[in-house]
């Protein structure tokens, strides 16, 4: 699953310089990523990569939500909770889910309450700290999750159908490169080992 709000961190300030020379466009007739072209001193959002990533993420998230919202009555935060618990081998805290999905803790808290009421998830005591509870899916929640995942995977294939097999591999490689530059964990195994996202 993908979050709708993307924050891009940079090590240094980005400076935009005006130039009298016109930069070459790529094959699609659009300025290359990272150029952040300006027009009369204004940032051209349609050439600004953070804006483009955020817009694509929002559209993809909305496309996927049609699967779990209409059929299962889940909103986006509730799905994010189930998705996080689904790839975990062990129960985890609401704080972990908030960090993993880049969703505000109050939003995750409301989603957790709704899922508890529907008996899709349950609280279990943290063996390391009895004052803290962790979350895991119930049998009912796992059944819903197992039914939903194939639908989401098919939707993913539909979204990526515009790319060739090689383009998909390259797209995944480039996304991974950006994730590494932002110090984002990239595998569920790594997330499990570090207890953090």
Protein backbone atom coordinates (compact mmCIF):
# COMPACT_ATOMS: atom_id res chain seq x y z
CA UNK A 1 0.00 0.00 0.00
CA UNK A 2 0.99 3.65 -0.73
CA UNK A 3 0.44 6.85 1.66
CA UNK A 4 -1.16 10.05 0.17
CA UNK A 5 1.16 12.59 1.74
CA UNK A 6 4.79 12.44 0.65
CA UNK A 7 7.48 14.54 2.29
CA UNK A 8 10.79 14.86 0.41
CA UNK A 9 13.81 15.64 2.56
CA UNK A 10 16.89 17.24 1.08
CA UNK A 11 20.34 17.68 2.52
CA UNK A 12 20.68 21.20 1.24
CA UNK A 13 18.45 24.01 0.09
CA UNK A 14 17.16 23.73 -3.45
CA UNK A 15 17.91 26.80 -5.51
CA UNK A 16 16.02 27.50 -8.69
CA UNK A 17 17.88 29.52 -11.28
CA UNK A 18 16.38 31.24 -14.25
CA UNK A 19 18.13 30.64 -17.53
CA UNK A 20 17.75 32.13 -20.95
CA UNK A 21 18.37 28.79 -22.62
CA UNK A 22 15.48 26.38 -23.04
CA UNK A 23 16.16 22.94 -21.59
CA UNK A 24 15.52 19.95 -23.86
CA UNK A 25 12.33 18.00 -23.25
CA UNK A 26 12.29 14.25 -22.78
CA UNK A 27 10.60 11.81 -25.16
CA UNK A 28 7.17 12.62 -23.72
CA UNK A 29 7.68 16.29 -24.40
CA UNK A 30 8.01 17.12 -20.69
CA UNK A 31 11.02 18.61 -18.94
CA UNK A 32 13.21 15.99 -17.26
CA UNK A 33 12.53 15.26 -13.56
CA UNK A 34 14.39 17.53 -11.19
CA UNK A 35 14.51 20.50 -13.51
CA UNK A 36 11.77 22.31 -11.57
CA UNK A 37 11.42 24.83 -14.35
CA UNK A 38 10.20 28.31 -13.52
CA UNK A 39 8.03 30.61 -15.53
CA UNK A 40 8.39 34.31 -14.82
CA UNK A 41 9.86 33.51 -11.43
CA UNK A 42 7.14 31.01 -10.56
CA UNK A 43 7.62 27.31 -9.84
CA UNK A 44 6.08 25.14 -12.55
CA UNK A 45 4.30 22.52 -10.44
CA UNK A 46 3.88 20.13 -13.37
CA UNK A 47 7.67 19.89 -13.63
CA UNK A 48 8.29 19.83 -9.87
CA UNK A 49 8.94 16.21 -8.83
CA UNK A 50 7.58 16.38 -5.23
CA UNK A 51 4.26 17.71 -6.58
CA UNK A 52 4.12 15.04 -9.28
CA UNK A 53 4.88 12.25 -6.79
CA UNK A 54 2.22 13.52 -4.40
CA UNK A 55 -0.40 13.76 -7.15
CA UNK A 56 0.33 10.25 -8.47
CA UNK A 57 0.27 8.84 -4.93
CA UNK A 58 -3.09 10.47 -4.24
CA UNK A 59 -4.61 9.08 -7.44
CA UNK A 60 -3.24 5.58 -6.84
CA UNK A 61 -4.49 5.61 -3.25
CA UNK A 62 -7.93 6.67 -4.42
CA UNK A 63 -7.99 3.97 -7.11
CA UNK A 64 -7.13 1.28 -4.56
CA UNK A 65 -9.65 2.61 -2.04
CA UNK A 66 -12.48 1.77 -4.43
CA UNK A 67 -11.70 -1.90 -3.77
CA UNK A 68 -11.80 -1.86 0.02
CA UNK A 69 -14.15 1.07 0.61
CA UNK A 70 -17.11 0.01 -1.51
CA UNK A 71 -16.88 -3.73 -0.93
CA UNK A 72 -15.68 -3.86 2.68
CA UNK A 73 -16.60 -0.47 4.14
CA UNK A 74 -13.01 0.42 5.05
CA UNK A 75 -11.66 3.94 4.73
CA UNK A 76 -8.04 4.67 3.82
CA UNK A 77 -6.66 4.89 7.41
CA UNK A 78 -8.44 1.67 8.40
CA UNK A 79 -6.96 -0.09 5.39
CA UNK A 80 -3.51 1.19 6.32
CA UNK A 81 -3.85 -0.36 9.76
CA UNK A 82 -4.88 -3.74 8.31
CA UNK A 83 -2.19 -3.57 5.63
CA UNK A 84 0.53 -2.94 8.22
CA UNK A 85 -0.69 -5.71 10.51
CA UNK A 86 -0.97 -8.00 7.49
CA UNK A 87 2.71 -7.91 6.55
CA UNK A 88 3.86 -8.16 10.17
CA UNK A 89 4.63 -11.53 11.75
CA UNK A 90 4.06 -10.19 15.25
CA UNK A 91 1.63 -7.74 16.84
CA UNK A 92 2.72 -4.10 16.77
CA UNK A 93 1.84 -0.76 18.34
CA UNK A 94 -0.36 1.95 16.89
CA UNK A 95 2.71 4.18 16.92
CA UNK A 96 4.53 1.73 14.65
CA UNK A 97 1.58 1.81 12.22
CA UNK A 98 1.60 5.61 12.26
CA UNK A 99 5.31 5.69 11.43
CA UNK A 100 5.06 2.93 8.84
CA UNK A 101 2.22 4.56 6.92
CA UNK A 102 3.28 8.18 7.52
CA UNK A 103 -0.19 8.86 8.94
CA UNK A 104 -0.91 11.15 11.90
CA UNK A 105 -1.27 9.23 15.15
CA UNK A 106 -4.74 10.69 15.86
CA UNK A 107 -5.97 9.43 12.47
CA UNK A 108 -4.57 5.96 13.18
CA UNK A 109 -6.11 6.04 16.66
CA UNK A 110 -9.58 6.63 15.18
CA UNK A 111 -9.03 3.86 12.63
CA UNK A 112 -7.93 1.45 15.37
CA UNK A 113 -11.06 2.24 17.41
CA UNK A 114 -13.31 1.56 14.40
CA UNK A 115 -11.56 -1.73 13.59
CA UNK A 116 -11.75 -2.85 17.22
CA UNK A 117 -15.50 -2.20 17.19
CA UNK A 118 -15.85 -4.32 14.03
CA UNK A 119 -13.71 -7.03 15.66
CA UNK A 120 -11.25 -7.01 12.76
CA UNK A 121 -8.32 -6.37 15.10
CA UNK A 122 -7.67 -6.94 18.80
CA UNK A 123 -5.39 -5.67 21.53
CA UNK A 124 -2.78 -7.93 23.12
CA UNK A 125 -0.49 -7.17 26.06
CA UNK A 126 3.09 -6.22 25.32
CA UNK A 127 5.24 -8.81 27.08
CA UNK A 128 8.08 -6.30 27.42
CA UNK A 129 5.88 -3.55 28.87
CA UNK A 130 2.60 -4.52 30.53
CA UNK A 131 1.43 -0.90 30.39
CA UNK A 132 1.42 -0.99 26.59
CA UNK A 133 -0.92 -2.88 24.28
CA UNK A 134 -0.14 -4.05 20.79
CA UNK A 135 -2.45 -4.79 17.89
CA UNK A 136 -3.03 -7.81 15.70
CA UNK A 137 -5.70 -9.00 13.30
CA UNK A 138 -8.45 -11.30 14.51
CA UNK A 139 -9.51 -14.36 12.54
CA UNK A 140 -12.26 -12.23 11.02
CA UNK A 141 -9.74 -9.57 10.09
CA UNK A 142 -7.38 -12.09 8.51
CA UNK A 143 -10.23 -13.52 6.45
CA UNK A 144 -11.09 -10.07 5.11
CA UNK A 145 -7.40 -9.33 4.46
CA UNK A 146 -6.85 -12.59 2.59
CA UNK A 147 -9.90 -11.92 0.42
CA UNK A 148 -8.89 -8.34 -0.33
CA UNK A 149 -5.21 -8.76 -1.22
CA UNK A 150 -5.72 -10.50 -4.61
CA UNK A 151 -8.09 -7.69 -5.63
CA UNK A 152 -5.52 -5.04 -4.75
CA UNK A 153 -2.76 -6.89 -6.58
CA UNK A 154 -4.93 -7.04 -9.70
CA UNK A 155 -5.59 -3.31 -9.35
CA UNK A 156 -1.86 -2.71 -9.07
CA UNK A 157 -1.32 -4.57 -12.34
CA UNK A 158 -3.99 -2.44 -14.02
CA UNK A 159 -2.31 0.76 -12.84
CA UNK A 160 1.10 -0.40 -14.09
CA UNK A 161 -0.24 -1.76 -17.38
CA UNK A 162 1.02 1.35 -19.19
CA UNK A 163 4.62 0.23 -18.48
CA UNK A 164 6.51 -2.57 -20.14
CA UNK A 165 8.12 -5.31 -18.04
CA UNK A 166 11.49 -3.60 -18.34
CA UNK A 167 10.01 -0.21 -17.47
CA UNK A 168 8.41 -1.67 -14.35
CA UNK A 169 11.76 -3.04 -13.20
CA UNK A 170 13.45 0.29 -13.87
CA UNK A 171 10.64 2.17 -12.13
CA UNK A 172 11.00 -0.04 -9.06
CA UNK A 173 14.77 0.41 -9.09
CA UNK A 174 14.52 4.20 -9.26
CA UNK A 175 11.89 4.33 -6.51
CA UNK A 176 14.18 2.22 -4.35
CA UNK A 177 17.04 4.61 -5.00
CA UNK A 178 14.93 7.58 -3.83
CA UNK A 179 13.75 5.61 -0.78
CA UNK A 180 17.34 4.81 0.19
CA UNK A 181 18.33 8.46 -0.15
CA UNK A 182 15.52 9.31 2.29
CA UNK A 183 16.62 6.56 4.71
CA UNK A 184 13.36 4.62 4.29
CA UNK A 185 13.27 0.93 5.16
CA UNK A 186 12.46 -1.03 2.01
CA UNK A 187 11.57 -4.57 3.12
CA UNK A 188 9.15 -6.07 5.63
CA UNK A 189 12.00 -8.21 7.01
CA UNK A 190 14.04 -5.10 7.76
CA UNK A 191 11.03 -3.41 9.34
CA UNK A 192 10.37 -6.45 11.53
CA UNK A 193 14.00 -6.60 12.64
CA UNK A 194 14.21 -2.91 13.54
CA UNK A 195 10.69 -2.58 14.94
CA UNK A 196 10.48 0.64 12.94
CA UNK A 197 9.68 1.77 9.44
